[in-house]
Protein backbone atom coordinates (compact mmCIF):
# COMPACT_ATOMS: atom_id res chain seq x y z
CA MET A 1 4.42 40.28 -27.35
CA ILE A 2 1.78 38.65 -24.92
CA LYS A 3 -1.35 40.51 -24.01
CA HIS A 4 -2.26 39.96 -20.71
CA ALA A 5 -5.20 41.20 -18.63
CA ASP A 6 -5.27 45.03 -17.89
CA ALA A 7 -4.14 46.11 -14.39
CA SER A 8 -7.67 47.35 -13.83
CA SER A 9 -9.62 44.89 -15.28
CA GLU A 10 -12.22 42.19 -13.47
CA GLY A 11 -9.89 39.47 -14.73
CA SER A 12 -6.69 40.84 -13.59
CA LYS A 13 -8.47 41.38 -9.87
CA VAL A 14 -9.46 37.31 -10.11
CA ALA A 15 -5.84 36.68 -11.05
CA TYR A 16 -4.61 38.87 -8.02
CA SER A 17 -6.84 36.89 -5.80
CA ILE A 18 -5.79 33.32 -7.24
CA LEU A 19 -1.89 34.76 -6.92
CA THR A 20 -2.29 35.61 -3.00
CA VAL A 21 -4.05 32.30 -2.39
CA SER A 22 -1.37 30.61 -4.29
CA VAL A 23 1.53 32.18 -2.46
CA PHE A 24 -0.28 31.62 1.16
CA PHE A 25 0.07 27.70 -0.04
CA LEU A 26 3.68 28.12 -1.15
CA ALA A 27 4.45 29.81 2.30
CA LEU A 28 3.69 26.21 3.93
CA ASN A 29 6.33 24.86 1.97
CA HIS A 30 9.03 26.50 3.91
CA ILE A 31 7.40 25.71 7.06
CA ILE A 32 6.79 22.30 6.41
CA GLY A 33 9.77 21.57 5.00
CA ARG A 34 12.16 22.89 7.86
CA SER A 35 9.74 21.34 10.57
CA VAL A 36 10.68 17.67 8.93
CA HIS A 37 14.35 18.56 7.83
CA ASP A 38 15.65 16.23 10.58
CA VAL A 39 12.99 13.12 10.12
CA VAL A 40 12.45 13.08 6.19
CA PRO A 41 15.66 13.80 3.72
CA PRO A 42 14.82 16.48 1.42
CA LEU A 43 14.94 14.67 -1.97
CA GLY A 44 13.03 11.80 -0.79
CA LEU A 45 10.44 14.44 0.52
CA THR A 46 10.47 16.22 -2.81
CA PHE A 47 10.09 13.26 -4.99
CA TRP A 48 7.06 11.64 -3.16
CA ARG A 49 5.22 14.97 -2.83
CA TRP A 50 5.50 15.29 -6.29
CA PHE A 51 4.67 11.52 -7.46
CA LEU A 52 1.84 11.39 -5.38
CA ALA A 53 0.29 15.00 -7.08
CA THR A 54 0.79 13.04 -10.51
CA VAL A 55 -0.84 10.12 -9.21
CA ILE A 56 -4.03 12.38 -8.09
CA LEU A 57 -4.08 14.27 -11.49
CA LEU A 58 -3.49 11.04 -13.48
CA PRO A 59 -7.59 10.62 -13.82
CA VAL A 60 -8.08 14.03 -15.48
CA VAL A 61 -5.54 13.00 -18.02
CA LEU A 62 -7.26 9.89 -18.77
CA LEU A 63 -10.74 11.58 -19.24
CA ASP A 64 -9.34 12.56 -23.12
CA PHE A 65 -6.11 11.06 -23.38
CA ARG A 66 -5.81 10.47 -27.01
CA SER A 67 -5.95 14.18 -27.77
CA THR A 68 -3.87 15.19 -24.66
CA LEU A 69 -1.32 12.74 -25.53
CA ALA A 70 -0.91 14.64 -29.22
CA ILE A 71 -0.18 17.95 -27.49
CA TYR A 72 1.92 16.45 -25.02
CA ARG A 73 4.28 14.96 -28.03
CA ARG A 74 3.90 18.19 -29.59
CA HIS A 75 5.49 19.93 -26.64
CA TRP A 76 7.36 17.53 -24.80
CA ARG A 77 10.52 19.05 -24.52
CA ALA A 78 9.57 22.34 -23.56
CA LEU A 79 7.18 20.46 -20.62
CA LEU A 80 10.31 18.45 -19.59
CA LEU A 81 12.33 21.41 -19.34
CA LEU A 82 9.60 23.10 -17.12
CA GLY A 83 9.12 19.84 -15.22
CA GLY A 84 12.99 19.70 -14.52
CA LEU A 85 13.05 23.48 -13.08
CA ILE A 86 10.23 23.48 -10.73
CA VAL A 87 10.71 19.81 -9.28
CA GLY A 88 14.58 20.81 -9.42
CA ALA A 89 13.84 24.01 -7.75
CA THR A 90 11.81 22.72 -5.05
CA SER A 91 14.39 19.88 -4.11
CA LEU A 92 16.98 22.69 -3.90
CA ILE A 93 14.69 24.60 -1.54
CA MET A 94 14.29 21.40 0.67
CA VAL A 95 18.02 20.83 0.59
CA ALA A 96 18.90 24.02 1.65
CA LEU A 97 16.38 24.34 4.58
CA ASN A 98 18.71 21.60 5.85
CA PHE A 99 21.72 23.92 5.93
CA THR A 100 20.50 27.28 6.66
CA SER A 101 17.68 29.10 8.55
CA ALA A 102 14.11 29.93 7.38
CA THR A 103 15.36 33.46 7.91
CA ASN A 104 17.77 33.28 5.24
CA VAL A 105 15.54 31.29 2.84
CA ALA A 106 12.90 34.11 3.25
CA LEU A 107 15.36 36.58 2.44
CA ILE A 108 16.74 35.23 -0.77
CA ASN A 109 13.11 34.00 -1.64
CA ALA A 110 12.73 38.15 -2.10
CA THR A 111 15.20 37.80 -5.03
CA GLN A 112 12.85 35.87 -7.29
CA PRO A 113 10.90 39.12 -8.57
CA THR A 114 14.21 40.89 -9.53
CA LEU A 115 15.59 37.43 -11.02
CA THR A 116 12.28 37.07 -13.23
CA VAL A 117 12.33 40.64 -14.26
CA LEU A 118 16.06 40.01 -15.45
CA PHE A 119 15.30 36.90 -17.26
CA SER A 120 12.31 38.60 -18.62
CA TRP A 121 14.44 41.11 -20.04
CA LEU A 122 17.49 39.01 -21.00
CA PHE A 123 15.53 36.42 -23.12
CA TYR A 124 12.46 38.34 -24.11
CA GLY A 125 13.31 41.78 -23.88
CA VAL A 126 10.52 42.49 -21.74
CA ARG A 127 10.79 45.94 -19.52
CA LEU A 128 9.05 47.25 -16.65
CA THR A 129 8.10 50.96 -16.18
CA ARG A 130 9.90 52.84 -13.39
CA VAL A 131 6.82 52.48 -10.93
CA GLN A 132 7.04 49.00 -11.05
CA VAL A 133 10.86 48.78 -10.63
CA LEU A 134 10.16 50.98 -7.57
CA GLY A 135 7.19 48.66 -6.35
CA ILE A 136 10.06 45.44 -6.25
CA LEU A 137 12.35 47.85 -4.29
CA VAL A 138 9.96 48.97 -1.96
CA ALA A 139 8.67 45.38 -1.35
CA PHE A 140 12.07 44.04 -0.91
CA VAL A 141 12.77 46.60 1.57
CA GLY A 142 9.30 45.32 3.33
CA VAL A 143 11.03 41.87 3.52
CA LEU A 144 14.33 43.15 4.91
CA VAL A 145 12.07 45.16 7.73
CA MET A 146 10.61 41.96 8.61
CA ILE A 147 13.58 39.78 8.90
CA SER A 148 15.46 42.49 10.32
CA GLN A 149 13.10 43.02 13.31
CA GLY A 150 13.63 46.61 12.41
CA THR A 151 16.76 46.75 13.65
CA TRP A 152 19.42 46.82 10.39
CA ARG A 153 22.25 45.31 13.03
CA VAL A 154 20.10 42.02 12.71
CA LEU A 155 20.98 41.70 8.93
CA GLY A 156 24.53 42.52 9.68
CA ASN A 157 24.64 39.30 12.27
CA LEU A 158 23.01 37.38 9.50
CA GLU A 159 25.38 34.06 8.90
CA PHE A 160 25.26 33.05 5.35
CA ASN A 161 26.84 29.44 4.03
CA ALA A 162 26.18 27.04 1.10
CA GLY A 163 22.53 26.60 2.21
CA ASP A 164 22.21 29.91 1.11
CA LEU A 165 23.85 29.54 -2.28
CA ILE A 166 21.81 26.40 -3.11
CA ALA A 167 18.28 28.43 -1.98
CA LEU A 168 19.87 31.13 -4.50
CA ALA A 169 19.83 28.46 -7.11
CA ALA A 170 16.40 27.35 -6.42
CA MET A 171 15.21 31.11 -7.10
CA LEU A 172 17.19 31.10 -10.40
CA GLY A 173 14.86 28.00 -11.28
CA PHE A 174 11.82 29.28 -10.29
CA ALA A 175 12.31 32.73 -12.38
CA ALA A 176 13.17 30.76 -15.38
CA TYR A 177 10.12 28.31 -14.76
CA SER A 178 7.67 31.48 -14.50
CA VAL A 179 9.30 33.26 -17.55
CA ARG A 180 9.15 30.26 -19.83
CA PHE A 181 5.70 28.92 -18.49
CA VAL A 182 3.95 32.22 -19.60
CA ARG A 183 5.01 31.91 -23.17
CA LEU A 184 4.50 28.30 -24.14
CA ARG A 185 1.70 28.03 -26.10
CA HIS A 186 -0.33 24.54 -25.55
CA GLY A 187 -3.79 25.08 -25.39
CA LEU A 188 -4.10 22.72 -22.07
CA SER A 189 -6.03 23.53 -18.88
CA PRO A 190 -3.81 24.12 -15.92
CA ALA A 191 -4.30 20.58 -14.78
CA LEU A 192 -3.40 19.22 -18.26
CA ALA A 193 -0.37 21.16 -18.58
CA LEU A 194 0.84 20.35 -14.67
CA PHE A 195 0.51 16.57 -15.02
CA PRO A 196 3.63 16.06 -17.51
CA MET A 197 5.63 18.87 -16.18
CA MET A 198 5.27 16.86 -12.69
CA LEU A 199 5.78 13.49 -14.14
CA GLY A 200 8.98 14.84 -16.11
CA GLY A 201 10.25 16.44 -13.19
CA CYS A 202 9.87 12.94 -10.94
CA VAL A 203 11.39 10.88 -13.73
CA LEU A 204 14.60 13.62 -13.78
CA LEU A 205 14.75 13.35 -10.03
CA LEU A 206 14.60 9.83 -9.46
CA PRO A 207 18.15 8.92 -9.69
CA PHE A 208 19.04 11.56 -7.59
CA TYR A 209 16.36 10.65 -4.76
CA ILE A 210 17.80 6.93 -5.24
CA GLY A 211 21.34 7.93 -4.61
CA GLU A 212 20.24 9.57 -1.48
CA SER A 213 18.13 6.88 -0.43
CA LEU A 214 21.74 4.50 -0.83
CA MET A 215 24.02 6.63 0.47
CA VAL A 216 22.52 8.77 2.92
CA LYS A 217 19.07 8.14 4.23
CA SER A 218 15.93 6.38 2.68
CA VAL A 219 12.51 8.14 3.77
CA PRO A 220 11.06 6.43 6.81
CA ILE A 221 7.36 5.36 6.78
CA ASN A 222 5.99 7.40 9.74
CA PRO A 223 3.15 9.66 10.51
CA THR A 224 5.45 12.76 10.18
CA SER A 225 6.65 11.69 6.74
CA ILE A 226 3.26 10.50 5.46
CA GLY A 227 1.59 13.96 6.68
CA ALA A 228 4.53 16.16 5.35
CA VAL A 229 4.15 14.31 1.74
CA VAL A 230 0.40 14.50 1.89
CA SER A 231 0.12 18.02 2.74
CA LEU A 232 2.99 19.12 0.35
CA ALA A 233 1.47 17.16 -2.30
CA LEU A 234 -2.03 18.65 -2.00
CA LEU A 235 -1.62 22.42 -1.09
CA VAL A 236 1.66 23.22 -2.83
CA SER A 237 2.21 20.61 -5.60
CA LEU A 238 -1.31 20.86 -6.58
CA CYS A 239 -3.10 23.65 -4.98
CA ALA A 240 -0.45 26.59 -5.01
CA MET A 241 1.13 25.21 -8.60
CA LEU A 242 -2.32 25.36 -10.48
CA MET A 243 -3.48 28.64 -9.02
CA TRP A 244 0.05 30.22 -9.52
CA ASN A 245 0.16 28.83 -13.19
CA ALA A 246 -3.21 30.18 -13.78
CA GLY A 247 -2.40 33.48 -12.24
CA MET A 248 0.57 34.09 -14.24
CA ARG A 249 -1.24 33.14 -17.57
CA MET A 250 -3.59 35.99 -16.58
CA VAL A 251 -1.25 38.76 -15.46
CA GLY A 252 2.27 37.70 -16.70
CA ALA A 253 5.46 36.42 -14.82
CA ASN A 254 6.65 39.82 -14.06
CA ARG A 255 3.58 41.33 -12.32
CA ALA A 256 3.05 37.61 -10.84
CA SER A 257 6.55 37.41 -8.99
CA ILE A 258 5.79 40.33 -6.88
CA PHE A 259 3.46 38.30 -5.03
CA ILE A 260 6.09 35.98 -3.77
CA ASN A 261 7.24 38.69 -1.23
CA LEU A 262 4.14 38.05 0.59
CA VAL A 263 5.46 34.34 1.54
CA PRO A 264 7.07 36.22 5.10
CA VAL A 265 4.01 37.81 5.66
CA PHE A 266 1.97 34.66 5.76
CA GLY A 267 4.68 32.93 7.36
CA VAL A 268 4.33 35.69 10.10
CA LEU A 269 0.64 35.41 10.47
CA MET A 270 0.80 31.59 10.75
CA ALA A 271 3.45 31.92 13.58
CA VAL A 272 1.05 34.01 15.47
CA PHE A 273 -1.99 32.17 14.88
CA PHE A 274 -0.58 28.46 15.08
CA LEU A 275 2.42 29.13 17.30
CA GLY A 276 1.30 31.88 19.49
CA GLU A 277 4.25 34.17 18.69
CA GLN A 278 4.04 37.93 19.27
CA PHE A 279 3.04 40.13 16.58
CA GLU A 280 5.37 43.25 16.60
CA LEU A 281 5.44 46.54 14.99
CA TYR A 282 8.17 45.69 12.74
CA HIS A 283 5.90 43.01 11.32
CA LEU A 284 3.27 45.66 10.65
CA ALA A 285 5.64 48.06 9.06
CA GLY A 286 7.17 45.09 6.77
CA MET A 287 3.73 44.27 5.80
CA ILE A 288 2.61 47.76 4.73
CA LEU A 289 5.90 48.36 2.62
CA ILE A 290 5.03 44.71 0.94
CA SER A 291 1.82 46.19 0.35
CA ILE A 292 2.61 49.34 -1.00
CA GLY A 293 5.12 47.46 -3.61
CA VAL A 294 2.83 44.79 -4.58
CA TRP A 295 0.04 47.70 -5.55
CA LEU A 296 2.83 49.60 -7.36
CA VAL A 297 3.54 46.57 -9.44
CA VAL A 298 0.23 45.44 -10.13
CA GLY A 299 -1.51 48.87 -10.81
CA SER A 300 1.08 50.18 -13.22
CA PRO A 301 0.72 48.88 -17.11
CA SER A 302 3.53 46.36 -18.10
CA THR A 303 4.89 44.76 -21.37
CA ASP A 304 5.11 41.50 -20.24
C-alpha cells in the first residue's frame, strides 16, 4: 500500500492547491481545442503540442543525461505505456470535440473520478470510504446541475453520438494513466519523468498524424494554429501535467481525480470573464455541490 500525505497535513494542502491550478489549465484544453477544431486537425494539433513540450524539456534532461538515461532504460516499458495513455487520451479528446459539443464532453469528463476509483479497486484492491463515495456522487450531481442549467429537461434533450464514445474512451485512458502513474517508482523529478512519456507518446502518435495529414488535412501554418499549439504545449502539456503528476504523487490518484470536476467550474468562470456570458444561479448551485463533493473526498482518509 502506498503512503500519501494525510488529508489534514500541510503537504496535502499544498497538493490540493497544485491540483486546483492544474485543473484550471486543463480546462483550457477543451476551450482551445473546440475553438480551433475547424482550422487545425485534431491529431496534428495534439502531436505538435506534445512535441513542442518535449523539445522544451530536453535541456532539463541533458543536464544529467547519463544517470537519467539509466533510469529511462530500466523503466522504459512503463514510461512508454504511460506516454501512450496520456497522449492517446488527449488525442481522443481533440477528435471528440470535432463531433460533439463541449457540454457533452464536460458531462463525460465528470466520469473520470468514478473510473479512476474503479480501476484502483479492480487492479490494486484500493477502496474508498462511504464519505468519499458520497463526495464523488455529490460532485457529479453538481456537474449535472451546471450542464442542465438547473432544468432536468435539458439533460433529456442532450443528443449523444460517436464523439461521446470517443470522449469516454479518453476518460478511460486518463483514469488508467492516473492509477498507474502513482504506482511507478522511478525516483525521477516530475519534469524528468514527463519527458520520456511525452516523447514515447509522440512516437506512437506519429503514424496516425501522418495518416491524417495525407488523407484528411494537414496542419496549416497560420497565427491560429501556432497560437493553439504554443498555448496547449505551455499551459496544458507542461504546466498542467507537471502539477497534476506532482499532486497525484502527494495524495494519490483517487483523491486527485475528484478535482477534475472543477473543469466545468473554471470553464464557466472563464466564459463569464472573457466572453461576457451571464453568471446564473444554477452555476452557483453547481459550484457549491462540486465544492462540497471535493471537500468530502479530500477530507476523509483513503487507502489509495
